Amino acid sequence: MTDPRSDPFWALSQPITPVDPDPAFAAELRSRLERALLAPEGSTHDHHL
C-alpha cells in the first residue's frame, strides 16, 4: 500500500488544528482595517490596502 500522505488531498482528511496568527501580521492587518474603516468616504490615500 502506498503512503497516504502522497495523496494531495490527504491533509483535507485530517482534523483541523487551529494556530495563532503571527502577532506582527495581526497588528498590521488590524491597523490597515482601522484606517480603511475610519477613512473619510471616497478617500483613496491608501491605494495598496
C-alpha atoms as a PDB file:
ATOM      1  CA  MET A   1       0.000   0.000   0.000  1.00  0.00           C
ATOM      2  CA  THR A   2       1.217   3.497  -0.739  1.00  0.00           C
ATOM      3  CA  ASP A   3       1.820   6.206   1.834  1.00  0.00           C
ATOM      4  CA  PRO A   4      -1.478   8.114   2.320  1.00  0.00           C
ATOM      5  CA  ARG A   5       0.480  11.387   2.552  1.00  0.00           C
ATOM      6  CA  SER A   6       1.432  11.008  -1.106  1.00  0.00           C
ATOM      7  CA  ASP A   7      -2.224  11.778  -1.889  1.00  0.00           C
ATOM      8  CA  PRO A   8      -2.554  15.565  -2.361  1.00  0.00           C
ATOM      9  CA  PHE A   9      -5.932  15.510  -0.570  1.00  0.00           C
ATOM     10  CA  TRP A  10      -4.637  13.599   2.485  1.00  0.00           C
ATOM     11  CA  ALA A  11      -4.345  16.778   4.591  1.00  0.00           C
ATOM     12  CA  LEU A  12      -8.025  17.524   3.986  1.00  0.00           C
ATOM     13  CA  SER A  13      -8.995  14.335   5.801  1.00  0.00           C
ATOM     14  CA  GLN A  14      -7.047  15.300   8.927  1.00  0.00           C
ATOM     15  CA  PRO A  15      -8.542  17.165  11.907  1.00  0.00           C
ATOM     16  CA  ILE A  16      -8.249  20.944  11.783  1.00  0.00           C
ATOM     17  CA  THR A  17      -5.592  22.259  14.145  1.00  0.00           C
ATOM     18  CA  PRO A  18      -6.071  25.970  14.854  1.00  0.00           C
ATOM     19  CA  VAL A  19      -2.955  28.105  15.135  1.00  0.00           C
ATOM     20  CA  ASP A  20      -2.462  31.622  16.433  1.00  0.00           C
ATOM     21  CA  PRO A  21      -1.683  34.237  13.771  1.00  0.00           C
ATOM     22  CA  ASP A  22       1.706  35.867  13.645  1.00  0.00           C
ATOM     23  CA  PRO A  23       1.417  38.850  16.047  1.00  0.00           C
ATOM     24  CA  ALA A  24       3.107  41.257  13.616  1.00  0.00           C
ATOM     25  CA  PHE A  25       0.773  40.214  10.796  1.00  0.00           C
ATOM     26  CA  ALA A  26      -2.286  40.558  13.059  1.00  0.00           C
ATOM     27  CA  ALA A  27      -1.222  44.040  14.213  1.00  0.00           C
ATOM     28  CA  GLU A  28      -0.592  45.238  10.648  1.00  0.00           C
ATOM     29  CA  LEU A  29      -3.890  43.818   9.421  1.00  0.00           C
ATOM     30  CA  ARG A  30      -5.789  45.438  12.292  1.00  0.00           C
ATOM     31  CA  SER A  31      -4.105  48.776  11.568  1.00  0.00           C
ATOM     32  CA  ARG A  32      -4.934  48.600   7.853  1.00  0.00           C
ATOM     33  CA  LEU A  33      -8.553  47.677   8.558  1.00  0.00           C
ATOM     34  CA  GLU A  34      -8.936  50.503  11.073  1.00  0.00           C
ATOM     35  CA  ARG A  35      -7.506  53.027   8.586  1.00  0.00           C
ATOM     36  CA  ALA A  36      -9.805  51.744   5.846  1.00  0.00           C
ATOM     37  CA  LEU A  37     -12.909  51.813   8.027  1.00  0.00           C
ATOM     38  CA  LEU A  38     -12.189  55.185   9.607  1.00  0.00           C
ATOM     39  CA  ALA A  39     -11.089  56.932   6.404  1.00  0.00           C
ATOM     40  CA  PRO A  40     -13.475  59.542   5.021  1.00  0.00           C
ATOM     41  CA  GLU A  41     -15.814  58.171   2.354  1.00  0.00           C
ATOM     42  CA  GLY A  42     -14.208  58.372  -1.083  1.00  0.00           C
ATOM     43  CA  SER A  43     -10.719  58.696   0.386  1.00  0.00           C
ATOM     44  CA  THR A  44      -8.026  56.964  -1.670  1.00  0.00           C
ATOM     45  CA  HIS A  45      -4.970  57.720   0.481  1.00  0.00           C
ATOM     46  CA  ASP A  46      -4.149  54.015   0.944  1.00  0.00           C
ATOM     47  CA  HIS A  47      -4.095  52.506  -2.545  1.00  0.00           C
ATOM     48  CA  HIS A  48      -2.459  49.212  -1.600  1.00  0.00           C
ATOM     49  CA  LEU A  49      -4.988  48.129   1.041  1.00  0.00           C
END
